[in-house]
N, C-alpha and C. Protein backbone atom coordinates (compact mmCIF):
# COMPACT_ATOMS: atom_id res chain seq x y z
N UNK A 1 0.91 -1.00 -0.23
CA UNK A 1 0.05 -0.21 -0.02
C UNK A 1 0.77 1.40 0.18
N UNK A 2 0.56 2.18 -0.78
CA UNK A 2 1.54 3.27 -0.99
C UNK A 2 1.33 4.30 0.34
N UNK A 3 2.23 4.87 0.47
CA UNK A 3 2.15 5.91 1.93
C UNK A 3 2.22 7.26 1.60
N UNK A 4 1.66 7.82 1.88
CA UNK A 4 1.38 9.56 1.68
C UNK A 4 2.76 9.85 2.72
N UNK A 5 3.54 10.77 1.99
CA UNK A 5 4.78 11.31 2.51
C UNK A 5 4.34 12.04 4.00
N UNK A 6 5.28 12.03 4.90
CA UNK A 6 5.01 12.70 6.08
C UNK A 6 5.18 13.96 6.27
N UNK A 7 4.23 14.91 5.50
CA UNK A 7 3.87 16.44 5.65
C UNK A 7 2.85 16.80 6.08
N UNK A 8 2.42 16.45 7.13
CA UNK A 8 0.89 17.12 7.68
C UNK A 8 1.47 17.19 9.41
N UNK A 9 0.43 17.91 9.75
CA UNK A 9 0.44 18.04 11.41
C UNK A 9 -0.65 17.30 12.10
N UNK A 10 -1.85 17.12 11.06
CA UNK A 10 -2.83 16.38 11.71
C UNK A 10 -3.49 15.50 10.40
N UNK A 11 -4.07 14.22 10.48
CA UNK A 11 -4.31 13.40 9.80
C UNK A 11 -5.71 12.70 10.32
N UNK A 12 -6.46 12.40 9.40
CA UNK A 12 -7.52 11.64 9.96
C UNK A 12 -7.76 10.41 8.84
N UNK A 13 -7.88 9.52 9.50
CA UNK A 13 -7.84 8.19 8.56
C UNK A 13 -9.16 7.46 8.50
N UNK A 14 -9.89 7.48 7.92
CA UNK A 14 -11.18 6.84 7.81
C UNK A 14 -11.58 5.33 7.07
N UNK A 15 -12.47 4.64 7.67
CA UNK A 15 -12.45 3.56 6.82
C UNK A 15 -13.29 2.76 7.62
N UNK A 16 -14.17 1.72 7.04
CA UNK A 16 -15.18 0.73 7.59
C UNK A 16 -14.35 -0.17 8.48
N UNK A 17 -15.13 -1.10 9.03
CA UNK A 17 -14.48 -2.21 9.81
C UNK A 17 -13.49 -3.03 9.13
N UNK A 18 -12.42 -3.59 9.32
CA UNK A 18 -11.15 -4.34 8.73
C UNK A 18 -11.12 -3.82 7.05
N UNK A 19 -11.02 -2.41 6.98
CA UNK A 19 -10.86 -1.71 5.67
C UNK A 19 -9.49 -1.52 5.51
N UNK A 20 -8.42 -1.68 6.51
CA UNK A 20 -7.18 -1.27 6.42
C UNK A 20 -7.04 -0.29 6.89
N UNK A 21 -7.69 0.64 7.57
CA UNK A 21 -7.44 1.77 8.20
C UNK A 21 -6.48 1.92 9.13
N UNK A 22 -6.43 1.29 10.34
CA UNK A 22 -5.39 1.16 11.32
C UNK A 22 -3.86 0.51 10.71
N UNK A 23 -4.03 -0.22 9.76
CA UNK A 23 -2.72 -0.68 9.12
C UNK A 23 -1.87 0.43 8.52
N UNK A 24 -3.01 1.14 7.76
CA UNK A 24 -2.55 2.37 6.91
C UNK A 24 -1.97 3.44 8.06
N UNK A 25 -2.76 3.71 8.97
CA UNK A 25 -2.31 4.62 9.79
C UNK A 25 -0.82 4.47 10.60
N UNK A 26 -0.64 3.04 10.80
CA UNK A 26 0.42 2.80 11.42
C UNK A 26 1.70 2.68 10.51
N UNK A 27 1.53 2.33 9.40
CA UNK A 27 2.49 2.57 8.28
C UNK A 27 2.70 4.06 7.96
N UNK A 28 1.58 4.78 8.16
CA UNK A 28 2.11 6.34 7.76
C UNK A 28 2.95 6.81 9.11
N UNK A 29 2.48 6.46 10.44
CA UNK A 29 3.20 6.77 11.34
C UNK A 29 4.40 6.31 11.57
N UNK A 30 4.91 5.30 10.94
CA UNK A 30 6.41 4.90 10.70
C UNK A 30 7.41 5.62 9.98
N UNK A 31 6.74 6.83 9.50
CA UNK A 31 7.65 7.64 8.54
C UNK A 31 8.03 8.54 9.32
N UNK A 32 7.46 8.79 10.78
CA UNK A 32 8.23 9.65 11.55
C UNK A 32 9.03 9.13 12.34
N UNK A 33 10.08 9.91 13.21
CA UNK A 33 11.17 9.44 14.01
C UNK A 33 10.31 8.64 15.40
N UNK A 34 11.43 8.01 16.02
CA UNK A 34 10.92 7.44 16.97
C UNK A 34 11.51 8.35 18.30
N UNK A 35 10.64 8.44 19.61
CA UNK A 35 9.58 7.25 19.94
C UNK A 35 8.38 7.74 19.30
N UNK A 36 7.35 6.66 19.35
CA UNK A 36 5.90 6.90 18.53
C UNK A 36 4.95 6.60 20.00
N UNK A 37 3.86 7.03 20.07
CA UNK A 37 3.13 7.06 21.01
C UNK A 37 1.74 6.76 20.63
N UNK A 38 1.09 5.57 20.95
CA UNK A 38 -0.17 5.17 20.33
C UNK A 38 -1.09 5.14 21.54
N UNK A 39 -2.08 6.03 21.37
CA UNK A 39 -3.19 6.34 22.14
C UNK A 39 -4.44 5.37 21.94
N UNK A 40 -4.82 4.63 22.96
CA UNK A 40 -5.88 3.36 22.59
C UNK A 40 -7.08 4.12 23.52
N UNK A 41 -8.28 4.09 22.62
CA UNK A 41 -9.49 4.83 23.11
C UNK A 41 -10.40 3.55 23.48
N UNK A 42 -10.18 2.32 23.45
CA UNK A 42 -10.96 1.41 23.69
C UNK A 42 -11.04 0.85 25.05
N UNK A 43 -12.21 0.98 25.68
CA UNK A 43 -12.49 0.06 27.16
C UNK A 43 -12.43 -1.27 26.81
N UNK A 44 -11.59 -2.04 27.39
CA UNK A 44 -11.95 -3.54 27.42
C UNK A 44 -12.98 -3.88 28.24
N UNK A 45 -14.04 -4.27 27.44
CA UNK A 45 -15.52 -4.09 28.62
C UNK A 45 -15.58 -5.98 28.39
N UNK A 46 -15.22 -6.72 27.86
CA UNK A 46 -15.06 -8.10 27.78
C UNK A 46 -13.80 -8.98 27.46
N UNK A 47 -13.76 -10.38 27.57
CA UNK A 47 -12.14 -11.01 27.43
C UNK A 47 -11.90 -10.93 25.90
N UNK A 48 -12.77 -11.00 25.11
CA UNK A 48 -12.66 -11.11 23.50
C UNK A 48 -12.18 -9.74 23.16
N UNK A 49 -12.61 -8.47 23.56
CA UNK A 49 -11.92 -7.33 23.45
C UNK A 49 -10.30 -7.24 24.29
N UNK A 50 -10.51 -7.63 25.57
CA UNK A 50 -9.02 -7.63 25.86
C UNK A 50 -7.96 -8.44 25.02
N UNK A 51 -8.55 -9.80 24.31
CA UNK A 51 -7.52 -10.36 23.82
C UNK A 51 -7.20 -9.54 22.38
N UNK A 52 -8.13 -8.73 21.87
CA UNK A 52 -7.88 -8.15 20.57
C UNK A 52 -6.82 -7.05 21.08
N UNK A 53 -6.96 -6.52 22.12
CA UNK A 53 -6.16 -5.32 22.46
C UNK A 53 -4.69 -5.80 22.77
N UNK A 54 -4.61 -6.94 23.45
CA UNK A 54 -3.34 -7.59 23.76
C UNK A 54 -2.77 -7.84 22.25
N UNK A 55 -3.31 -8.52 21.26
CA UNK A 55 -2.86 -8.80 20.06
C UNK A 55 -2.45 -7.77 19.26
N UNK A 56 -3.22 -6.68 19.33
CA UNK A 56 -2.56 -5.47 18.65
C UNK A 56 -1.38 -4.65 19.26
N UNK A 57 -1.39 -4.67 20.66
CA UNK A 57 -0.05 -4.30 21.31
C UNK A 57 1.07 -5.10 20.55
N UNK A 58 0.69 -6.34 20.64
CA UNK A 58 1.90 -7.30 20.12
C UNK A 58 2.26 -7.06 18.85
N UNK A 59 1.31 -6.62 17.82
CA UNK A 59 1.43 -6.62 16.50
C UNK A 59 2.47 -5.45 16.36
N UNK A 60 1.99 -4.17 17.15
CA UNK A 60 2.78 -2.87 16.94
C UNK A 60 4.28 -3.27 17.48
N UNK A 61 4.82 -4.01 18.40
CA UNK A 61 6.03 -3.97 18.73
C UNK A 61 6.37 -3.01 19.84
N UNK A 62 7.82 -3.21 20.18
CA UNK A 62 8.29 -2.41 21.30
C UNK A 62 8.66 -1.02 20.84
N UNK A 63 8.54 -0.51 19.55
CA UNK A 63 8.74 0.82 19.02
C UNK A 63 7.45 1.54 19.48
N UNK A 64 6.56 1.08 20.00
CA UNK A 64 5.42 2.03 20.19
C UNK A 64 5.17 1.91 21.75
N UNK A 65 4.99 3.26 22.48
CA UNK A 65 4.42 3.48 23.81
C UNK A 65 3.04 3.50 23.69
N UNK A 66 2.23 2.55 24.47
CA UNK A 66 0.73 2.81 24.56
C UNK A 66 0.24 3.47 25.74
N UNK A 67 -0.69 4.48 25.58
CA UNK A 67 -1.61 5.04 26.69
C UNK A 67 -2.95 4.74 26.40
N UNK A 68 -3.78 4.41 27.31
CA UNK A 68 -5.11 4.31 27.35
C UNK A 68 -5.91 5.52 27.75
N UNK A 69 -6.66 6.27 26.87
CA UNK A 69 -7.06 7.36 27.06
C UNK A 69 -8.71 7.01 26.35
N UNK A 70 -9.37 6.47 27.27
CA UNK A 70 -10.78 6.56 27.07
C UNK A 70 -11.96 7.47 26.94
N UNK A 71 -11.76 8.77 27.79
CA UNK A 71 -12.72 9.64 27.82
C UNK A 71 -11.90 11.16 27.83
N UNK A 72 -11.19 11.66 28.28
CA UNK A 72 -10.35 12.76 28.47
C UNK A 72 -9.33 13.02 27.19
N UNK A 73 -9.82 12.77 25.78
CA UNK A 73 -8.96 12.61 24.97
C UNK A 73 -8.79 14.43 24.74
N UNK A 74 -9.44 15.25 24.73
CA UNK A 74 -8.86 16.41 24.38
C UNK A 74 -7.91 17.18 25.30
N UNK A 75 -8.29 16.70 26.72
CA UNK A 75 -7.23 17.10 27.64
C UNK A 75 -5.59 16.46 27.37
N UNK A 76 -5.91 15.13 26.88
CA UNK A 76 -4.67 14.54 27.05
C UNK A 76 -3.85 15.02 25.74
N UNK A 77 -4.50 15.36 24.56
CA UNK A 77 -3.82 15.76 23.40
C UNK A 77 -3.47 17.15 23.62
N UNK A 78 -4.17 17.91 24.21
CA UNK A 78 -4.01 19.48 24.49
C UNK A 78 -2.57 19.59 25.36
N UNK A 79 -2.17 18.55 26.32
CA UNK A 79 -1.17 18.59 26.90
C UNK A 79 -0.21 16.93 26.72
N UNK A 80 0.01 16.70 25.64
CA UNK A 80 0.60 15.18 25.57
C UNK A 80 2.04 15.44 26.26
N UNK A 81 2.53 13.89 26.52
CA UNK A 81 3.76 13.89 26.83
C UNK A 81 4.92 14.57 25.78
N UNK A 82 6.06 14.95 26.08
CA UNK A 82 6.80 15.46 25.04
C UNK A 82 7.59 14.58 24.72
N UNK A 83 8.31 14.70 23.68
CA UNK A 83 9.54 14.15 22.90
C UNK A 83 9.11 12.87 22.04
N UNK A 84 7.89 12.85 21.78
CA UNK A 84 7.54 11.96 20.42
C UNK A 84 7.42 12.45 19.42
N UNK A 85 7.80 11.64 18.20
CA UNK A 85 7.74 11.89 17.00
C UNK A 85 6.56 11.85 16.22
N UNK A 86 5.53 11.06 16.85
CA UNK A 86 4.25 11.06 15.96
C UNK A 86 3.37 10.50 17.26
N UNK A 87 1.96 10.76 17.18
CA UNK A 87 0.82 10.44 18.03
C UNK A 87 -0.17 9.70 17.28
N UNK A 88 -0.41 8.62 17.44
CA UNK A 88 -1.64 7.63 16.51
C UNK A 88 -2.73 7.55 17.70
N UNK A 89 -3.70 8.08 17.59
CA UNK A 89 -5.09 7.82 18.33
C UNK A 89 -5.84 6.70 17.22
N UNK A 90 -6.20 5.83 18.16
CA UNK A 90 -7.31 4.60 17.50
C UNK A 90 -8.15 4.26 18.64
N UNK A 91 -9.39 4.62 18.52
CA UNK A 91 -10.02 5.33 17.39
C UNK A 91 -10.83 6.50 17.94
N UNK A 92 -11.38 7.41 17.14
CA UNK A 92 -12.52 8.29 17.34
C UNK A 92 -13.71 7.86 17.80
N UNK A 93 -14.28 6.68 16.75
CA UNK A 93 -15.46 6.10 17.12
C UNK A 93 -15.52 5.55 18.57
N UNK A 94 -14.55 4.84 19.00
CA UNK A 94 -14.56 4.18 20.22
C UNK A 94 -14.51 5.23 21.27
N UNK A 95 -13.87 6.41 21.23
CA UNK A 95 -13.88 7.39 22.06
C UNK A 95 -15.34 8.06 22.43
N UNK A 96 -15.93 8.20 21.08
CA UNK A 96 -17.50 8.75 21.07
C UNK A 96 -18.17 7.84 21.52
N UNK A 97 -18.23 6.10 21.36
CA UNK A 97 -19.00 5.22 21.94
C UNK A 97 -18.72 5.41 23.40
N UNK A 98 -17.67 5.71 24.01
CA UNK A 98 -17.30 5.77 25.35
C UNK A 98 -18.06 6.88 26.20
N UNK A 99 -18.18 7.86 25.30
CA UNK A 99 -18.76 9.28 25.72
C UNK A 99 -20.38 9.09 25.91
N UNK A 100 -20.65 8.33 24.82
CA UNK A 100 -22.29 8.13 24.93
C UNK A 100 -22.70 6.94 25.97
N UNK A 101 -21.98 6.04 26.10
CA UNK A 101 -22.10 5.15 27.25
C UNK A 101 -21.92 5.46 28.48
N UNK A 102 -21.41 6.69 28.79
CA UNK A 102 -21.33 7.32 30.10
C UNK A 102 -22.74 7.52 31.04
N UNK A 103 -23.08 7.17 31.93
CA UNK A 103 -24.30 7.54 32.62
C UNK A 103 -24.82 8.69 32.43
N UNK A 104 -23.72 9.69 32.75
CA UNK A 104 -24.34 11.00 33.10
C UNK A 104 -24.12 11.67 31.50
N UNK A 105 -23.95 11.03 30.59
CA UNK A 105 -23.51 11.77 29.28
C UNK A 105 -24.81 11.52 28.64
N UNK A 106 -25.44 12.75 27.83
CA UNK A 106 -26.35 12.65 27.19
C UNK A 106 -26.04 13.15 25.99
N UNK A 107 -26.79 13.09 24.76
CA UNK A 107 -26.49 13.41 23.47
C UNK A 107 -26.27 15.21 23.69
N UNK A 108 -26.62 15.99 24.54
CA UNK A 108 -26.56 17.38 24.36
C UNK A 108 -24.98 17.65 24.95
N UNK A 109 -24.46 16.58 25.80
CA UNK A 109 -23.16 16.68 26.38
C UNK A 109 -21.91 16.43 24.96
N UNK A 110 -22.24 15.44 24.29
CA UNK A 110 -21.52 15.03 23.22
C UNK A 110 -20.79 15.91 22.23
N UNK A 111 -21.84 16.99 21.82
CA UNK A 111 -21.46 18.01 20.67
C UNK A 111 -20.36 19.04 21.37
N UNK A 112 -20.35 19.19 22.80
CA UNK A 112 -19.68 20.00 23.28
C UNK A 112 -18.33 19.42 23.57
N UNK A 113 -18.27 18.20 24.11
CA UNK A 113 -17.10 17.19 23.97
C UNK A 113 -16.13 17.33 22.50
N UNK A 114 -17.05 16.95 21.76
CA UNK A 114 -16.59 17.09 20.13
C UNK A 114 -15.81 18.08 19.71
N UNK A 115 -16.40 19.48 20.26
CA UNK A 115 -15.85 20.53 19.84
C UNK A 115 -14.93 21.12 20.49
N UNK A 116 -14.79 20.65 21.70
CA UNK A 116 -13.26 20.69 22.55
C UNK A 116 -12.33 19.91 22.15
N UNK A 117 -12.51 18.73 21.61
CA UNK A 117 -11.49 17.97 21.09
C UNK A 117 -11.00 18.51 19.85
N UNK A 118 -12.21 19.10 18.89
CA UNK A 118 -11.86 19.74 17.55
C UNK A 118 -11.03 21.01 17.95
N UNK A 119 -11.16 21.85 18.85
CA UNK A 119 -10.39 23.06 19.22
C UNK A 119 -8.92 22.55 19.62
N UNK A 120 -8.84 21.61 20.15
CA UNK A 120 -7.77 20.90 20.67
C UNK A 120 -6.87 20.56 19.54
N UNK A 121 -7.37 19.86 18.73
CA UNK A 121 -6.68 19.43 17.45
C UNK A 121 -6.15 20.24 16.72
N UNK A 122 -6.92 21.58 16.58
CA UNK A 122 -6.33 22.52 15.63
C UNK A 122 -4.95 23.21 16.19
N UNK A 123 -4.69 22.92 17.40
CA UNK A 123 -3.60 23.35 17.90
C UNK A 123 -2.46 22.42 18.09
N UNK A 124 -2.61 21.20 17.79
CA UNK A 124 -1.68 20.12 18.23
C UNK A 124 -0.18 20.45 17.45
N UNK A 125 0.86 20.32 18.38
CA UNK A 125 2.14 20.69 17.73
C UNK A 125 2.81 19.20 17.37
N UNK A 126 2.82 18.26 18.02
CA UNK A 126 3.18 16.76 17.43
C UNK A 126 2.45 16.22 16.46
N UNK A 127 2.85 15.97 15.26
CA UNK A 127 2.20 15.27 13.97
C UNK A 127 1.56 14.32 14.73
N UNK A 128 0.00 14.26 14.41
CA UNK A 128 -1.21 13.49 15.38
C UNK A 128 -1.97 12.71 13.96
N UNK A 129 -2.16 11.58 13.93
CA UNK A 129 -2.91 10.48 13.18
C UNK A 129 -3.85 10.06 14.03
N UNK A 130 -5.20 10.47 13.61
CA UNK A 130 -6.47 10.06 13.91
C UNK A 130 -7.26 8.99 13.36
N UNK A 131 -7.46 7.83 13.77
CA UNK A 131 -8.23 6.54 13.13
C UNK A 131 -9.48 6.90 13.63
N UNK A 132 -10.48 6.46 12.46
CA UNK A 132 -11.93 6.70 12.89
C UNK A 132 -12.73 5.74 11.95
N UNK A 133 -13.69 5.03 12.38
CA UNK A 133 -14.69 4.24 11.50
C UNK A 133 -15.83 5.08 10.75
N UNK A 134 -16.04 4.92 9.75
CA UNK A 134 -16.68 5.47 8.78
C UNK A 134 -17.95 4.78 8.89
N UNK A 135 -19.01 5.18 9.82
CA UNK A 135 -20.39 4.45 9.79
C UNK A 135 -21.49 4.89 9.24
N UNK A 136 -21.48 6.08 8.51
CA UNK A 136 -22.59 6.50 7.94
C UNK A 136 -22.89 5.91 6.26
N UNK A 137 -21.97 5.09 5.84
CA UNK A 137 -22.32 4.48 4.81
C UNK A 137 -23.20 3.46 4.42
N UNK A 138 -23.78 3.09 5.40
CA UNK A 138 -24.68 1.62 5.48
C UNK A 138 -26.15 1.91 5.63
N UNK A 139 -27.06 1.21 5.86
CA UNK A 139 -28.30 1.34 6.07
C UNK A 139 -28.74 2.31 7.53
N UNK A 140 -29.89 3.12 7.33
CA UNK A 140 -30.14 3.47 8.71
C UNK A 140 -30.48 2.64 9.76
N UNK A 141 -29.88 2.78 10.95
CA UNK A 141 -30.03 1.94 12.11
C UNK A 141 -31.32 1.88 12.88
N UNK A 142 -31.71 0.67 13.17
CA UNK A 142 -32.94 0.26 13.67
C UNK A 142 -33.26 0.92 14.95
N UNK A 143 -32.51 1.46 15.71
CA UNK A 143 -32.71 1.95 17.20
C UNK A 143 -32.24 3.49 17.24
N UNK A 144 -32.63 3.91 18.05
CA UNK A 144 -32.41 5.55 18.56
C UNK A 144 -31.02 5.82 18.86
N UNK A 145 -30.61 4.88 19.62
CA UNK A 145 -28.99 4.93 20.01
C UNK A 145 -28.10 4.67 18.83
N UNK A 146 -28.32 3.75 18.14
CA UNK A 146 -27.50 3.56 16.83
C UNK A 146 -27.67 4.59 15.89
N UNK A 147 -28.88 5.21 15.70
CA UNK A 147 -29.10 6.42 15.04
C UNK A 147 -28.12 7.71 15.43
N UNK A 148 -28.26 7.97 16.72
CA UNK A 148 -27.72 8.89 17.36
C UNK A 148 -26.14 9.10 17.17
N UNK A 149 -25.70 7.65 17.38
CA UNK A 149 -23.96 7.31 17.54
C UNK A 149 -23.83 7.74 15.91
N UNK A 150 -24.32 7.05 14.89
CA UNK A 150 -23.88 7.40 13.51
C UNK A 150 -23.74 8.66 12.97
N UNK A 151 -25.19 9.66 13.61
CA UNK A 151 -24.99 11.20 13.64
C UNK A 151 -23.80 11.86 14.04
N UNK A 152 -23.69 11.59 15.41
CA UNK A 152 -22.61 12.09 16.10
C UNK A 152 -21.12 11.84 15.50
N UNK A 153 -21.17 10.65 15.17
CA UNK A 153 -19.90 10.17 14.33
C UNK A 153 -19.43 11.06 13.20
N UNK A 154 -20.78 11.05 12.29
CA UNK A 154 -20.66 11.95 10.88
C UNK A 154 -20.30 13.25 11.15
N UNK A 155 -21.02 13.94 12.43
CA UNK A 155 -20.72 15.29 12.56
C UNK A 155 -19.27 15.74 13.36
N UNK A 156 -18.58 14.77 14.01
CA UNK A 156 -17.24 14.54 14.60
C UNK A 156 -16.30 14.57 13.19
N UNK A 157 -16.68 13.68 12.51
CA UNK A 157 -15.75 13.72 11.17
C UNK A 157 -15.60 14.81 10.34
N UNK A 158 -16.93 15.40 10.21
CA UNK A 158 -16.78 16.56 9.41
C UNK A 158 -15.77 17.69 10.34
N UNK A 159 -16.02 17.78 11.55
CA UNK A 159 -15.23 19.14 12.13
C UNK A 159 -13.76 18.76 12.13
N UNK A 160 -13.42 17.45 12.46
CA UNK A 160 -12.15 17.13 12.52
C UNK A 160 -11.46 17.17 11.06
N UNK A 161 -12.18 16.81 10.05
CA UNK A 161 -11.78 16.92 8.74
C UNK A 161 -11.52 18.46 8.44
N UNK A 162 -12.15 19.19 9.02
CA UNK A 162 -11.92 20.67 8.63
C UNK A 162 -10.54 21.18 9.11
N UNK A 163 -10.10 20.81 10.34
CA UNK A 163 -8.66 21.10 10.97
C UNK A 163 -7.70 20.48 10.20
N UNK A 164 -7.88 18.90 9.85
CA UNK A 164 -6.83 18.11 9.41
C UNK A 164 -6.39 18.68 8.25
N UNK A 165 -4.93 18.42 7.86
CA UNK A 165 -4.13 18.98 7.00
C UNK A 165 -4.33 17.70 5.82
N UNK A 166 -4.51 16.31 6.20
CA UNK A 166 -4.73 15.16 5.46
C UNK A 166 -6.01 14.53 6.06
N UNK A 167 -6.70 14.03 5.01
CA UNK A 167 -7.99 13.35 5.27
C UNK A 167 -7.78 12.04 4.08
N UNK A 168 -7.77 10.64 4.90
CA UNK A 168 -7.58 9.37 3.89
C UNK A 168 -8.74 8.59 4.21
N UNK A 169 -9.72 8.09 3.23
CA UNK A 169 -10.70 7.46 3.20
C UNK A 169 -9.90 5.76 2.73
N UNK A 170 -9.86 4.70 3.52
CA UNK A 170 -9.39 3.64 3.17
C UNK A 170 -10.57 2.72 3.20
N UNK A 171 -10.39 2.06 1.99
CA UNK A 171 -11.46 0.81 1.65
C UNK A 171 -10.85 -0.28 1.05
N UNK A 172 -11.09 -1.44 1.46
CA UNK A 172 -10.59 -2.60 0.66
C UNK A 172 -9.04 -2.51 0.75
N UNK A 173 -8.18 -2.15 1.93
CA UNK A 173 -6.95 -1.67 1.73
C UNK A 173 -6.21 -0.85 1.21
N UNK A 174 -7.30 0.03 0.41
CA UNK A 174 -6.61 1.08 -0.72
C UNK A 174 -7.19 2.28 -0.10
N UNK A 175 -5.87 3.21 0.02
CA UNK A 175 -6.16 4.31 0.39
C UNK A 175 -6.64 5.59 -0.58
N UNK A 176 -7.71 6.33 -0.28
CA UNK A 176 -8.01 7.36 -1.42
C UNK A 176 -7.79 8.86 -0.49
N UNK A 177 -6.87 9.60 -0.95
CA UNK A 177 -6.70 11.11 -0.52
C UNK A 177 -7.80 11.91 -0.51
N UNK A 178 -8.72 12.26 0.28
CA UNK A 178 -9.72 13.09 0.18
C UNK A 178 -9.36 14.80 0.27
N UNK A 179 -8.36 14.87 1.06
CA UNK A 179 -7.65 16.18 1.36
C UNK A 179 -6.16 16.11 1.90
N UNK A 180 -5.67 17.23 1.26
CA UNK A 180 -4.24 17.29 1.49
C UNK A 180 -3.22 16.62 0.35
N UNK A 181 -2.30 16.23 0.66
CA UNK A 181 -1.31 15.49 -0.30
C UNK A 181 -1.73 14.68 -1.14
N UNK A 182 -1.57 14.96 -2.27
CA UNK A 182 -1.77 14.30 -3.62
C UNK A 182 -1.40 12.75 -3.60
N UNK A 183 -2.00 11.81 -3.79
CA UNK A 183 -1.52 10.39 -3.74
C UNK A 183 -0.42 10.37 -4.98
N UNK A 184 -0.45 11.03 -5.69
CA UNK A 184 0.71 10.58 -6.92
C UNK A 184 2.08 11.10 -6.54
N UNK A 185 2.16 11.85 -5.39
CA UNK A 185 3.63 12.34 -5.11
C UNK A 185 4.39 11.34 -4.46
């Protein structure tokens, strides 16, 4: 898979489940100097998810330091640990899901958190790559929570794409540059 040259400050990598978006993001991050920071947003809610998390950490290898940031992503990225060549966040839709599943969080609070994250991302100094699931290409979900999640994810992606230097959609393992550096370079 052809990688985009590392000439961005903020990249958004979108794709469906098993589209190759995370692999693409990892390959893109490898063009930056060590050390590299992986920010995991997934809360391991069951054994299968814990197994997936462990497997992904092993696949990344020792060149990556991992931090788990399940809710306070804006705070973390607004004041990240120093000295990293790149920060990779995987993924925004898991972060959004965590917010929506918080007992005290309602839909009214989600737009505020997304706006806070977007404002933080507009000022990042360390090159940052964000991975997220494109969930708006399928059928309309059959329940209110799923529809709210789909809508919130779509609005979040629009806001992040506005401040990103590079936006790539990955499907079937193939990247399509939507914004930023031409894939012909």
